C-alpha atoms as a PDB file:
ATOM      1  CA  MET A   1     -40.028 -31.825  23.017  1.00  0.00           C
ATOM      2  CA  GLU A   2     -36.834 -33.109  24.348  1.00  0.00           C
ATOM      3  CA  GLU A   3     -35.198 -32.794  20.780  1.00  0.00           C
ATOM      4  CA  LYS A   4     -36.942 -30.080  20.197  1.00  0.00           C
ATOM      5  CA  ILE A   5     -34.971 -27.989  22.855  1.00  0.00           C
ATOM      6  CA  GLY A   6     -31.526 -30.004  22.095  1.00  0.00           C
ATOM      7  CA  GLN A   7     -32.228 -27.749  18.933  1.00  0.00           C
ATOM      8  CA  PHE A   8     -31.156 -24.383  20.566  1.00  0.00           C
ATOM      9  CA  PHE A   9     -27.365 -25.612  21.727  1.00  0.00           C
ATOM     10  CA  ILE A  10     -24.457 -25.215  20.514  1.00  0.00           C
ATOM     11  CA  VAL A  11     -21.752 -26.810  23.042  1.00  0.00           C
ATOM     12  CA  GLY A  12     -17.844 -27.893  21.964  1.00  0.00           C
ATOM     13  CA  PHE A  13     -16.491 -30.324  23.787  1.00  0.00           C
ATOM     14  CA  PRO A  14     -11.871 -30.664  25.598  1.00  0.00           C
ATOM     15  CA  GLY A  15      -9.458 -32.881  24.443  1.00  0.00           C
ATOM     16  CA  ARG A  16      -8.296 -33.397  21.072  1.00  0.00           C
ATOM     17  CA  GLU A  17     -11.562 -36.045  20.163  1.00  0.00           C
ATOM     18  CA  PRO A  18     -14.890 -36.150  21.375  1.00  0.00           C
ATOM     19  CA  PRO A  19     -15.417 -38.159  24.599  1.00  0.00           C
ATOM     20  CA  LYS A  20     -18.170 -40.821  24.264  1.00  0.00           C
ATOM     21  CA  PRO A  21     -20.106 -39.116  26.959  1.00  0.00           C
ATOM     22  CA  PHE A  22     -20.927 -36.374  25.174  1.00  0.00           C
ATOM     23  CA  LEU A  23     -20.870 -37.661  21.502  1.00  0.00           C
ATOM     24  CA  GLU A  24     -23.866 -39.432  23.982  1.00  0.00           C
ATOM     25  CA  SER A  25     -25.668 -36.164  24.683  1.00  0.00           C
ATOM     26  CA  LEU A  26     -26.025 -35.283  21.154  1.00  0.00           C
ATOM     27  CA  VAL A  27     -27.822 -38.095  20.113  1.00  0.00           C
ATOM     28  CA  ASN A  28     -30.284 -38.056  23.352  1.00  0.00           C
ATOM     29  CA  LYS A  29     -30.766 -34.532  23.771  1.00  0.00           C
ATOM     30  CA  GLN A  30     -30.754 -33.786  19.438  1.00  0.00           C
ATOM     31  CA  ILE A  31     -28.072 -30.750  20.402  1.00  0.00           C
ATOM     32  CA  GLY A  32     -28.090 -28.356  17.406  1.00  0.00           C
ATOM     33  CA  GLY A  33     -24.795 -28.416  16.983  1.00  0.00           C
ATOM     34  CA  VAL A  34     -21.182 -28.430  17.657  1.00  0.00           C
ATOM     35  CA  ILE A  35     -18.802 -25.610  18.263  1.00  0.00           C
ATOM     36  CA  LEU A  36     -14.447 -26.796  18.102  1.00  0.00           C
ATOM     37  CA  PHE A  37     -11.988 -24.961  19.395  1.00  0.00           C
ATOM     38  CA  GLY A  38      -8.212 -25.129  18.966  1.00  0.00           C
ATOM     39  CA  GLU A  39      -7.656 -28.369  20.700  1.00  0.00           C
ATOM     40  CA  ASN A  40      -9.727 -30.637  18.553  1.00  0.00           C
ATOM     41  CA  CYS A  41      -8.194 -29.004  14.974  1.00  0.00           C
ATOM     42  CA  ARG A  42      -4.547 -29.873  15.490  1.00  0.00           C
ATOM     43  CA  THR A  43      -4.631 -31.575  12.511  1.00  0.00           C
ATOM     44  CA  ASP A  44      -6.444 -31.010   9.744  1.00  0.00           C
ATOM     45  CA  GLY A  45      -6.850 -34.914   9.601  1.00  0.00           C
ATOM     46  CA  GLN A  46      -7.988 -34.853  12.980  1.00  0.00           C
ATOM     47  CA  THR A  47     -10.767 -32.282  12.553  1.00  0.00           C
ATOM     48  CA  LYS A  48     -11.857 -33.893   9.537  1.00  0.00           C
ATOM     49  CA  ASP A  49     -12.186 -36.962  12.095  1.00  0.00           C
ATOM     50  CA  ASN A  50     -13.573 -35.145  14.803  1.00  0.00           C
ATOM     51  CA  ILE A  51     -16.222 -33.589  12.122  1.00  0.00           C
ATOM     52  CA  GLU A  52     -16.940 -36.699  11.226  1.00  0.00           C
ATOM     53  CA  ALA A  53     -17.648 -38.239  14.401  1.00  0.00           C
ATOM     54  CA  ILE A  54     -20.355 -35.085  15.110  1.00  0.00           C
ATOM     55  CA  ARG A  55     -21.922 -36.307  12.336  1.00  0.00           C
ATOM     56  CA  SER A  56     -22.177 -39.946  12.877  1.00  0.00           C
ATOM     57  CA  GLN A  57     -24.425 -39.012  15.703  1.00  0.00           C
ATOM     58  CA  TYR A  58     -27.012 -37.177  13.440  1.00  0.00           C
ATOM     59  CA  SER A  59     -29.564 -38.596  11.434  1.00  0.00           C
ATOM     60  CA  VAL A  60     -31.875 -36.353  10.223  1.00  0.00           C
ATOM     61  CA  VAL A  61     -31.375 -33.047  11.168  1.00  0.00           C
ATOM     62  CA  THR A  62     -28.049 -32.145  10.188  1.00  0.00           C
ATOM     63  CA  PRO A  63     -25.942 -30.706  12.372  1.00  0.00           C
ATOM     64  CA  PHE A  64     -24.310 -27.262  12.593  1.00  0.00           C
ATOM     65  CA  ILE A  65     -20.432 -26.736  13.047  1.00  0.00           C
ATOM     66  CA  ALA A  66     -19.109 -23.958  14.529  1.00  0.00           C
ATOM     67  CA  ILE A  67     -15.939 -22.374  14.677  1.00  0.00           C
ATOM     68  CA  ASP A  68     -14.298 -18.850  15.055  1.00  0.00           C
ATOM     69  CA  GLN A  69     -11.759 -18.701  12.260  1.00  0.00           C
ATOM     70  CA  GLU A  70     -11.632 -14.550  13.107  1.00  0.00           C
ATOM     71  CA  GLY A  71      -7.380 -14.247  11.722  1.00  0.00           C
ATOM     72  CA  GLY A  72      -5.052 -13.499  14.315  1.00  0.00           C
ATOM     73  CA  ARG A  73      -4.998 -14.631  17.020  1.00  0.00           C
ATOM     74  CA  VAL A  74      -7.987 -16.289  17.099  1.00  0.00           C
ATOM     75  CA  CYS A  75      -8.001 -18.812  14.678  1.00  0.00           C
ATOM     76  CA  ARG A  76      -8.499 -22.096  15.570  1.00  0.00           C
ATOM     77  CA  LEU A  77      -7.490 -23.616  12.390  1.00  0.00           C
ATOM     78  CA  LYS A  78      -3.690 -23.780  11.593  1.00  0.00           C
ATOM     79  CA  GLY A  79      -1.411 -22.964   8.516  1.00  0.00           C
ATOM     80  CA  ALA A  80      -2.600 -22.663   5.679  1.00  0.00           C
ATOM     81  CA  PRO A  81      -5.296 -21.951   3.661  1.00  0.00           C
ATOM     82  CA  ALA A  82      -7.081 -21.799   7.080  1.00  0.00           C
ATOM     83  CA  GLU A  83      -5.331 -19.138   9.138  1.00  0.00           C
ATOM     84  CA  TYR A  84      -5.255 -15.748   8.021  1.00  0.00           C
ATOM     85  CA  ARG A  85      -4.353 -12.242   8.658  1.00  0.00           C
ATOM     86  CA  ALA A  86      -5.960 -10.246  12.261  1.00  0.00           C
ATOM     87  CA  ALA A  87      -8.188  -8.329  10.826  1.00  0.00           C
ATOM     88  CA  SER A  88      -6.633  -5.092  12.751  1.00  0.00           C
ATOM     89  CA  GLU A  89      -3.906  -5.477   9.615  1.00  0.00           C
ATOM     90  CA  TYR A  90      -6.135  -5.042   6.861  1.00  0.00           C
ATOM     91  CA  GLY A  91      -8.152  -2.337   8.197  1.00  0.00           C
ATOM     92  CA  GLN A  92      -4.604  -0.823   8.856  1.00  0.00           C
ATOM     93  CA  SER A  93      -3.221  -1.426   6.042  1.00  0.00           C
ATOM     94  CA  ASN A  94      -6.452  -0.403   3.306  1.00  0.00           C
ATOM     95  CA  GLU A  95      -6.398  -4.074   2.522  1.00  0.00           C
ATOM     96  CA  LEU A  96      -9.981  -5.125   1.353  1.00  0.00           C
ATOM     97  CA  GLU A  97      -8.868  -6.837  -1.684  1.00  0.00           C
ATOM     98  CA  ARG A  98      -6.173  -9.163   0.026  1.00  0.00           C
ATOM     99  CA  PHE A  99      -8.442  -9.392   3.044  1.00  0.00           C
ATOM    100  CA  LYS A 100     -11.611 -10.721   0.252  1.00  0.00           C
ATOM    101  CA  GLU A 101      -8.801 -13.572  -1.280  1.00  0.00           C
ATOM    102  CA  ASP A 102      -7.354 -14.510   2.336  1.00  0.00           C
ATOM    103  CA  TYR A 103     -10.591 -15.175   3.606  1.00  0.00           C
ATOM    104  CA  THR A 104     -12.188 -16.864   0.802  1.00  0.00           C
ATOM    105  CA  ARG A 105      -9.496 -19.406   0.607  1.00  0.00           C
ATOM    106  CA  SER A 106      -9.860 -20.020   4.339  1.00  0.00           C
ATOM    107  CA  ALA A 107     -14.143 -19.844   3.645  1.00  0.00           C
ATOM    108  CA  VAL A 108     -13.973 -22.560   0.892  1.00  0.00           C
ATOM    109  CA  PHE A 109     -11.778 -25.299   2.870  1.00  0.00           C
ATOM    110  CA  MET A 110     -13.902 -24.781   6.078  1.00  0.00           C
ATOM    111  CA  GLU A 111     -16.574 -25.781   4.089  1.00  0.00           C
ATOM    112  CA  SER A 112     -14.013 -28.556   1.933  1.00  0.00           C
ATOM    113  CA  ILE A 113     -13.209 -30.637   5.381  1.00  0.00           C
ATOM    114  CA  GLY A 114     -17.402 -29.827   7.520  1.00  0.00           C
ATOM    115  CA  ILE A 115     -17.664 -26.815   8.714  1.00  0.00           C
ATOM    116  CA  ASN A 116     -20.453 -25.132   8.322  1.00  0.00           C
ATOM    117  CA  VAL A 117     -20.476 -21.744  10.764  1.00  0.00           C
ATOM    118  CA  ASN A 118     -17.496 -18.985  11.105  1.00  0.00           C
ATOM    119  CA  LEU A 119     -18.189 -17.528  14.179  1.00  0.00           C
ATOM    120  CA  GLY A 120     -17.586 -14.171  12.446  1.00  0.00           C
ATOM    121  CA  PRO A 121     -17.424 -11.220  11.405  1.00  0.00           C
ATOM    122  CA  VAL A 122     -16.221  -9.536  13.940  1.00  0.00           C
ATOM    123  CA  CYS A 123     -18.564  -5.685  13.809  1.00  0.00           C
ATOM    124  CA  ASP A 124     -16.842  -4.018  16.698  1.00  0.00           C
ATOM    125  CA  ILE A 125     -15.687  -1.082  16.549  1.00  0.00           C
ATOM    126  CA  PHE A 126     -11.899  -0.679  17.907  1.00  0.00           C
ATOM    127  CA  LEU A 127     -12.963   2.350  20.091  1.00  0.00           C
ATOM    128  CA  ASN A 128     -11.184   2.066  23.755  1.00  0.00           C
ATOM    129  CA  PRO A 129      -7.642   1.180  23.093  1.00  0.00           C
ATOM    130  CA  ALA A 130      -7.482  -1.067  27.107  1.00  0.00           C
ATOM    131  CA  ASN A 131      -9.803  -3.863  25.336  1.00  0.00           C
ATOM    132  CA  ARG A 132      -7.745  -6.499  25.248  1.00  0.00           C
ATOM    133  CA  CYS A 133     -10.617  -8.744  24.287  1.00  0.00           C
ATOM    134  CA  LEU A 134     -10.505  -7.067  21.007  1.00  0.00           C
ATOM    135  CA  ASP A 135      -7.706  -6.128  20.152  1.00  0.00           C
ATOM    136  CA  GLY A 136      -6.242  -7.514  17.090  1.00  0.00           C
ATOM    137  CA  ARG A 137     -10.021  -8.769  15.938  1.00  0.00           C
ATOM    138  CA  CYS A 138     -11.264  -4.878  14.506  1.00  0.00           C
ATOM    139  CA  PHE A 139     -11.116  -4.401  11.581  1.00  0.00           C
ATOM    140  CA  GLY A 140     -10.881  -0.349  12.505  1.00  0.00           C
ATOM    141  CA  ALA A 141     -12.285   2.595  14.854  1.00  0.00           C
ATOM    142  CA  THR A 142     -14.573   4.010  13.055  1.00  0.00           C
ATOM    143  CA  PRO A 143     -17.974   2.430  10.933  1.00  0.00           C
ATOM    144  CA  GLU A 144     -16.643   3.602   8.128  1.00  0.00           C
ATOM    145  CA  ALA A 145     -13.842   0.564   8.082  1.00  0.00           C
ATOM    146  CA  VAL A 146     -15.371  -1.786   9.155  1.00  0.00           C
ATOM    147  CA  ALA A 147     -18.532  -1.683   7.272  1.00  0.00           C
ATOM    148  CA  PRO A 148     -16.482  -2.614   4.376  1.00  0.00           C
ATOM    149  CA  TYR A 149     -15.091  -5.477   5.752  1.00  0.00           C
ATOM    150  CA  VAL A 150     -18.523  -6.958   7.081  1.00  0.00           C
ATOM    151  CA  LYS A 151     -20.198  -7.374   3.776  1.00  0.00           C
ATOM    152  CA  GLU A 152     -17.266  -9.142   2.046  1.00  0.00           C
ATOM    153  CA  ALA A 153     -17.088 -11.057   4.780  1.00  0.00           C
ATOM    154  CA  VAL A 154     -20.828 -12.308   4.718  1.00  0.00           C
ATOM    155  CA  ARG A 155     -20.652 -11.921   1.234  1.00  0.00           C
ATOM    156  CA  ILE A 156     -17.652 -14.409   0.696  1.00  0.00           C
ATOM    157  CA  SER A 157     -18.864 -17.054   3.463  1.00  0.00           C
ATOM    158  CA  LYS A 158     -22.390 -16.885   1.301  1.00  0.00           C
ATOM    159  CA  LYS A 159     -21.070 -18.027  -1.732  1.00  0.00           C
ATOM    160  CA  ALA A 160     -18.559 -20.549  -0.341  1.00  0.00           C
ATOM    161  CA  GLY A 161     -21.777 -22.397   1.413  1.00  0.00           C
ATOM    162  CA  LEU A 162     -21.236 -21.122   5.104  1.00  0.00           C
ATOM    163  CA  LEU A 163     -23.074 -19.481   7.455  1.00  0.00           C
ATOM    164  CA  SER A 164     -22.001 -16.552   8.977  1.00  0.00           C
ATOM    165  CA  CYS A 165     -22.008 -15.126  12.855  1.00  0.00           C
ATOM    166  CA  LEU A 166     -21.600 -11.104  12.927  1.00  0.00           C
ATOM    167  CA  LYS A 167     -20.707 -10.398  17.033  1.00  0.00           C
ATOM    168  CA  HIS A 168     -20.910  -8.548  18.820  1.00  0.00           C
ATOM    169  CA  PHE A 169     -23.956  -7.241  19.841  1.00  0.00           C
ATOM    170  CA  PRO A 170     -24.754  -4.875  20.011  1.00  0.00           C
ATOM    171  CA  GLY A 171     -20.629  -3.223  19.907  1.00  0.00           C
ATOM    172  CA  LEU A 172     -18.239  -4.060  22.883  1.00  0.00           C
ATOM    173  CA  GLY A 173     -15.380  -1.751  21.137  1.00  0.00           C
ATOM    174  CA  ALA A 174     -16.671   0.704  23.873  1.00  0.00           C
ATOM    175  CA  ALA A 175     -15.549  -1.556  26.789  1.00  0.00           C
ATOM    176  CA  ALA A 176     -12.892  -1.979  28.400  1.00  0.00           C
ATOM    177  CA  VAL A 177     -13.799  -5.326  29.751  1.00  0.00           C
ATOM    178  CA  ASP A 178     -12.760  -8.610  28.710  1.00  0.00           C
ATOM    179  CA  PRO A 179     -16.648 -10.539  28.718  1.00  0.00           C
ATOM    180  CA  HIS A 180     -14.501 -13.564  29.888  1.00  0.00           C
ATOM    181  CA  LYS A 181     -13.798 -12.488  33.273  1.00  0.00           C
ATOM    182  CA  ARG A 182     -16.754 -10.440  33.568  1.00  0.00           C
ATOM    183  CA  THR A 183     -19.357  -8.032  32.590  1.00  0.00           C
ATOM    184  CA  ALA A 184     -18.454  -5.760  29.747  1.00  0.00           C
ATOM    185  CA  THR A 185     -20.163  -2.337  30.857  1.00  0.00           C
ATOM    186  CA  ALA A 186     -20.206   0.541  28.044  1.00  0.00           C
ATOM    187  CA  ASP A 187     -21.725   3.555  28.305  1.00  0.00           C
ATOM    188  CA  TYR A 188     -23.142   5.038  24.766  1.00  0.00           C
ATOM    189  CA  ASP A 189     -26.754   6.113  24.073  1.00  0.00           C
ATOM    190  CA  GLU A 190     -29.262   4.659  21.661  1.00  0.00           C
ATOM    191  CA  LEU A 191     -28.559   7.860  19.323  1.00  0.00           C
ATOM    192  CA  VAL A 192     -24.425   7.304  19.105  1.00  0.00           C
ATOM    193  CA  TRP A 193     -26.105   3.702  18.491  1.00  0.00           C
ATOM    194  CA  GLU A 194     -27.502   4.415  15.824  1.00  0.00           C
ATOM    195  CA  GLN A 195     -24.572   6.715  14.224  1.00  0.00           C
ATOM    196  CA  GLN A 196     -21.018   4.418  15.557  1.00  0.00           C
ATOM    197  CA  GLU A 197     -22.303   0.969  16.746  1.00  0.00           C
ATOM    198  CA  GLY A 198     -24.999  -0.572  14.850  1.00  0.00           C
ATOM    199  CA  ILE A 199     -23.907   0.452  11.555  1.00  0.00           C
ATOM    200  CA  PRO A 200     -21.701  -2.238  10.378  1.00  0.00           C
ATOM    201  CA  PHE A 201     -24.181  -4.639  12.076  1.00  0.00           C
ATOM    202  CA  ALA A 202     -26.563  -3.565   9.942  1.00  0.00           C
ATOM    203  CA  GLU A 203     -24.359  -3.115   6.789  1.00  0.00           C
ATOM    204  CA  GLY A 204     -23.610  -7.079   7.262  1.00  0.00           C
ATOM    205  CA  ILE A 205     -27.649  -7.690   8.402  1.00  0.00           C
ATOM    206  CA  LYS A 206     -27.709  -6.401   4.864  1.00  0.00           C
ATOM    207  CA  ALA A 207     -25.743  -8.313   2.694  1.00  0.00           C
ATOM    208  CA  GLY A 208     -26.893 -11.429   4.618  1.00  0.00           C
ATOM    209  CA  ALA A 209     -25.929 -11.888   7.542  1.00  0.00           C
ATOM    210  CA  ASP A 210     -27.563 -15.745   8.757  1.00  0.00           C
ATOM    211  CA  MET A 211     -27.450 -15.154  12.593  1.00  0.00           C
ATOM    212  CA  VAL A 212     -26.403 -12.083  15.225  1.00  0.00           C
ATOM    213  CA  MET A 213     -23.985 -12.619  18.161  1.00  0.00           C
ATOM    214  CA  THR A 214     -25.140 -10.524  21.368  1.00  0.00           C
ATOM    215  CA  THR A 215     -22.032 -10.326  24.450  1.00  0.00           C
ATOM    216  CA  HIS A 216     -22.494  -9.441  27.559  1.00  0.00           C
ATOM    217  CA  LEU A 217     -22.285  -6.235  28.119  1.00  0.00           C
ATOM    218  CA  ILE A 218     -23.938  -3.776  30.747  1.00  0.00           C
ATOM    219  CA  LEU A 219     -25.265  -0.820  28.932  1.00  0.00           C
ATOM    220  CA  PRO A 220     -27.151   1.220  31.746  1.00  0.00           C
ATOM    221  CA  LYS A 221     -28.842   4.118  28.785  1.00  0.00           C
ATOM    222  CA  ILE A 222     -30.023   2.022  26.984  1.00  0.00           C
ATOM    223  CA  ASP A 223     -31.615  -0.901  29.775  1.00  0.00           C
ATOM    224  CA  ASP A 224     -31.393  -1.762  33.356  1.00  0.00           C
ATOM    225  CA  GLN A 225     -30.860  -5.553  32.104  1.00  0.00           C
ATOM    226  CA  MET A 226     -27.722  -6.687  30.366  1.00  0.00           C
ATOM    227  CA  VAL A 227     -27.483  -7.301  27.301  1.00  0.00           C
ATOM    228  CA  THR A 228     -28.155 -11.652  26.867  1.00  0.00           C
ATOM    229  CA  GLY A 229     -31.323 -10.681  28.870  1.00  0.00           C
ATOM    230  CA  SER A 230     -32.136  -8.344  27.535  1.00  0.00           C
ATOM    231  CA  ALA A 231     -35.401  -8.729  25.595  1.00  0.00           C
ATOM    232  CA  LYS A 232     -34.983  -5.106  24.458  1.00  0.00           C
ATOM    233  CA  VAL A 233     -32.299  -5.527  23.084  1.00  0.00           C
ATOM    234  CA  VAL A 234     -32.946  -8.512  21.233  1.00  0.00           C
ATOM    235  CA  ALA A 235     -36.690  -7.511  20.411  1.00  0.00           C
ATOM    236  CA  ASP A 236     -36.338  -3.640  19.421  1.00  0.00           C
ATOM    237  CA  MET A 237     -32.923  -3.178  18.049  1.00  0.00           C
ATOM    238  CA  ILE A 238     -32.403  -6.541  16.416  1.00  0.00           C
ATOM    239  CA  ARG A 239     -35.479  -7.651  15.089  1.00  0.00           C
ATOM    240  CA  GLN A 240     -37.732  -4.412  14.847  1.00  0.00           C
ATOM    241  CA  ARG A 241     -34.709  -1.512  14.205  1.00  0.00           C
ATOM    242  CA  LEU A 242     -31.799  -3.014  12.100  1.00  0.00           C
ATOM    243  CA  GLY A 243     -35.186  -5.810  10.888  1.00  0.00           C
ATOM    244  CA  PHE A 244     -33.363  -9.406  11.400  1.00  0.00           C
ATOM    245  CA  ASP A 245     -35.526 -12.260  11.798  1.00  0.00           C
ATOM    246  CA  GLY A 246     -33.144 -14.782  11.553  1.00  0.00           C
ATOM    247  CA  PRO A 247     -31.343 -16.369  14.587  1.00  0.00           C
ATOM    248  CA  VAL A 248     -29.682 -13.927  17.672  1.00  0.00           C
ATOM    249  CA  ILE A 249     -26.648 -16.909  19.417  1.00  0.00           C
ATOM    250  CA  THR A 250     -25.654 -16.039  23.069  1.00  0.00           C
ATOM    251  CA  ASP A 251     -22.079 -16.075  23.851  1.00  0.00           C
ATOM    252  CA  ASP A 252     -20.108 -18.792  25.022  1.00  0.00           C
ATOM    253  CA  LEU A 253     -22.930 -18.505  28.226  1.00  0.00           C
ATOM    254  CA  THR A 254     -20.444 -19.925  30.726  1.00  0.00           C
ATOM    255  CA  MET A 255     -17.988 -16.916  30.304  1.00  0.00           C
ATOM    256  CA  ALA A 256     -18.240 -15.130  34.154  1.00  0.00           C
ATOM    257  CA  GLY A 257     -19.848 -12.003  31.864  1.00  0.00           C
ATOM    258  CA  ALA A 258     -23.090 -13.952  31.727  1.00  0.00           C
ATOM    259  CA  GLU A 259     -23.032 -14.329  36.034  1.00  0.00           C
ATOM    260  CA  PRO A 260     -25.160 -11.683  36.938  1.00  0.00           C
ATOM    261  CA  LEU A 261     -28.127 -13.918  34.935  1.00  0.00           C
ATOM    262  CA  GLY A 262     -27.882 -16.144  38.238  1.00  0.00           C
ATOM    263  CA  PRO A 263     -26.525 -20.344  38.399  1.00  0.00           C
ATOM    264  CA  ILE A 264     -26.051 -22.210  34.636  1.00  0.00           C
ATOM    265  CA  GLY A 265     -29.617 -22.927  34.602  1.00  0.00           C
ATOM    266  CA  GLU A 266     -31.472 -19.430  35.509  1.00  0.00           C
ATOM    267  CA  ARG A 267     -28.873 -18.089  32.314  1.00  0.00           C
ATOM    268  CA  THR A 268     -29.741 -20.219  29.785  1.00  0.00           C
ATOM    269  CA  VAL A 269     -33.349 -19.700  30.075  1.00  0.00           C
ATOM    270  CA  ALA A 270     -33.610 -15.999  30.950  1.00  0.00           C
ATOM    271  CA  ALA A 271     -31.046 -15.869  27.496  1.00  0.00           C
ATOM    272  CA  PHE A 272     -33.725 -18.006  25.944  1.00  0.00           C
ATOM    273  CA  MET A 273     -37.111 -15.546  27.476  1.00  0.00           C
ATOM    274  CA  ALA A 274     -35.487 -12.163  25.870  1.00  0.00           C
ATOM    275  CA  GLY A 275     -35.630 -14.107  22.285  1.00  0.00           C
ATOM    276  CA  HIS A 276     -31.970 -15.475  22.199  1.00  0.00           C
ATOM    277  CA  ASP A 277     -32.572 -18.364  19.710  1.00  0.00           C
ATOM    278  CA  ILE A 278     -29.505 -20.532  19.937  1.00  0.00           C
ATOM    279  CA  LEU A 279     -27.445 -20.992  23.340  1.00  0.00           C
ATOM    280  CA  LEU A 280     -23.646 -20.987  22.950  1.00  0.00           C
ATOM    281  CA  PHE A 281     -21.897 -23.408  25.367  1.00  0.00           C
ATOM    282  CA  GLY A 282     -18.135 -23.874  25.724  1.00  0.00           C
ATOM    283  CA  GLN A 283     -15.975 -26.779  26.583  1.00  0.00           C
ATOM    284  CA  ASP A 284     -17.563 -27.674  29.511  1.00  0.00           C
ATOM    285  CA  TYR A 285     -20.454 -30.383  27.938  1.00  0.00           C
ATOM    286  CA  GLY A 286     -21.613 -30.656  31.659  1.00  0.00           C
ATOM    287  CA  ALA A 287     -22.779 -27.304  32.152  1.00  0.00           C
ATOM    288  CA  ALA A 288     -24.826 -27.831  28.815  1.00  0.00           C
ATOM    289  CA  ASN A 289     -26.413 -30.690  30.045  1.00  0.00           C
ATOM    290  CA  LYS A 290     -27.655 -28.778  33.332  1.00  0.00           C
ATOM    291  CA  ALA A 291     -29.363 -25.895  31.076  1.00  0.00           C
ATOM    292  CA  TYR A 292     -30.710 -28.196  29.334  1.00  0.00           C
ATOM    293  CA  ASP A 293     -33.180 -29.711  32.033  1.00  0.00           C
ATOM    294  CA  CYS A 294     -33.527 -25.895  33.474  1.00  0.00           C
ATOM    295  CA  LEU A 295     -34.800 -25.077  29.696  1.00  0.00           C
ATOM    296  CA  LEU A 296     -36.738 -28.067  29.601  1.00  0.00           C
ATOM    297  CA  LYS A 297     -38.433 -27.612  32.826  1.00  0.00           C
ATOM    298  CA  ALA A 298     -38.933 -23.896  32.177  1.00  0.00           C
ATOM    299  CA  VAL A 299     -41.191 -25.401  29.281  1.00  0.00           C
ATOM    300  CA  GLN A 300     -42.778 -28.465  31.202  1.00  0.00           C
ATOM    301  CA  ARG A 301     -43.695 -25.451  33.706  1.00  0.00           C
ATOM    302  CA  GLY A 302     -45.327 -23.314  30.986  1.00  0.00           C
ATOM    303  CA  ASP A 303     -42.800 -20.163  31.604  1.00  0.00           C
ATOM    304  CA  ILE A 304     -42.222 -20.827  27.609  1.00  0.00           C
ATOM    305  CA  SER A 305     -45.735 -20.884  26.133  1.00  0.00           C
ATOM    306  CA  THR A 306     -44.887 -23.747  22.379  1.00  0.00           C
ATOM    307  CA  GLU A 307     -45.284 -20.339  19.980  1.00  0.00           C
ATOM    308  CA  ARG A 308     -42.269 -19.715  21.136  1.00  0.00           C
ATOM    309  CA  ILE A 309     -40.416 -22.486  20.901  1.00  0.00           C
ATOM    310  CA  GLU A 310     -41.721 -23.070  17.384  1.00  0.00           C
ATOM    311  CA  LEU A 311     -40.876 -19.796  16.373  1.00  0.00           C
ATOM    312  CA  SER A 312     -36.822 -20.069  17.212  1.00  0.00           C
ATOM    313  CA  LEU A 313     -36.917 -23.832  15.436  1.00  0.00           C
ATOM    314  CA  GLY A 314     -38.903 -21.716  12.486  1.00  0.00           C
ATOM    315  CA  ARG A 315     -35.076 -19.143  12.331  1.00  0.00           C
ATOM    316  CA  ILE A 316     -32.765 -22.419  13.034  1.00  0.00           C
ATOM    317  CA  ALA A 317     -34.938 -24.787  11.016  1.00  0.00           C
ATOM    318  CA  GLY A 318     -34.791 -21.207   8.197  1.00  0.00           C
ATOM    319  CA  ILE A 319     -31.010 -20.944   8.212  1.00  0.00           C
ATOM    320  CA  LYS A 320     -29.901 -24.879   8.983  1.00  0.00           C
ATOM    321  CA  PHE A 321     -32.539 -25.481   5.627  1.00  0.00           C
ATOM    322  CA  LYS A 322     -29.326 -23.706   2.949  1.00  0.00           C
ATOM    323  CA  LEU A 323     -26.161 -25.789   4.617  1.00  0.00           C
ATOM    324  CA  ASP A 324     -28.820 -28.275   2.386  1.00  0.00           C
ATOM    325  CA  SER A 325     -30.032 -26.462  -1.049  1.00  0.00           C
ATOM    326  CA  THR A 326     -26.282 -26.151  -3.130  1.00  0.00           C
ATOM    327  CA  VAL A 327     -29.099 -23.676  -5.070  1.00  0.00           C
ATOM    328  CA  LEU A 328     -28.658 -20.960  -2.618  1.00  0.00           C
ATOM    329  CA  ARG A 329     -25.244 -21.057  -2.965  1.00  0.00           C
END
């Protein structure tokens, strides 16, 4: 059970290279994957060395090696061919073909150095100019402007052998607050969502996206519980309405926006019980270790059923199978 629980975690680390305690935790807990940040990827050589060090800790199950390479200011990998322009620049200039060329080069390069998950594309619609969190990160201000780029990003990722991840569900573009700093709020209801925010996600899922990432958002017209802890959002909006049965991943659970769900352990259990399959942590692997212990105890107490564990494991195994199956690319 300890190894099964570990598969639900994607965890980052601080510094230029993974610390020994971090690498040991990957082995001891069989952590499902690692997320890389800019300081872990200052040169191509450093990135490759770090990925090799991480992969060396796994003997059986392939780990996720994830990164945020959205373009513009959210590019962990710098320089050609990995770095490309901000989403807003392509959208404003209506340069879909240019985006396809640039993102293809980036995706092929990422896969070549060992990255297998890009936490993108961003499906948010830039509806609120006060939203500095998404400044430059959205392809447009209408669903019709955003959807074609989302579909192409998913298609290109699949062809390159990268897993894709639609974010930030159910749509952060109408909010004004950065979830890194505090919990965001938006006032759209289910009807507006279906006609607006939901469209790029629906198109991305039709194109074959591998994951969906939620955000730390409160939608008072849809649910009293914040999205990260909302079974309604995961089970109804993602699973039923959009028909998505792949893994649903949280945004970084160490963000201030997740604090209404309680301390790190409680918010982790709440997110998993809401229906998330993968639990994302930034560079605080100490917090991830605490969260792991709390989730394991919840399982041992019987708060989380074996059937629920196996369901999420099956979803994760389904997309990890793609990483080892070149025939699917």
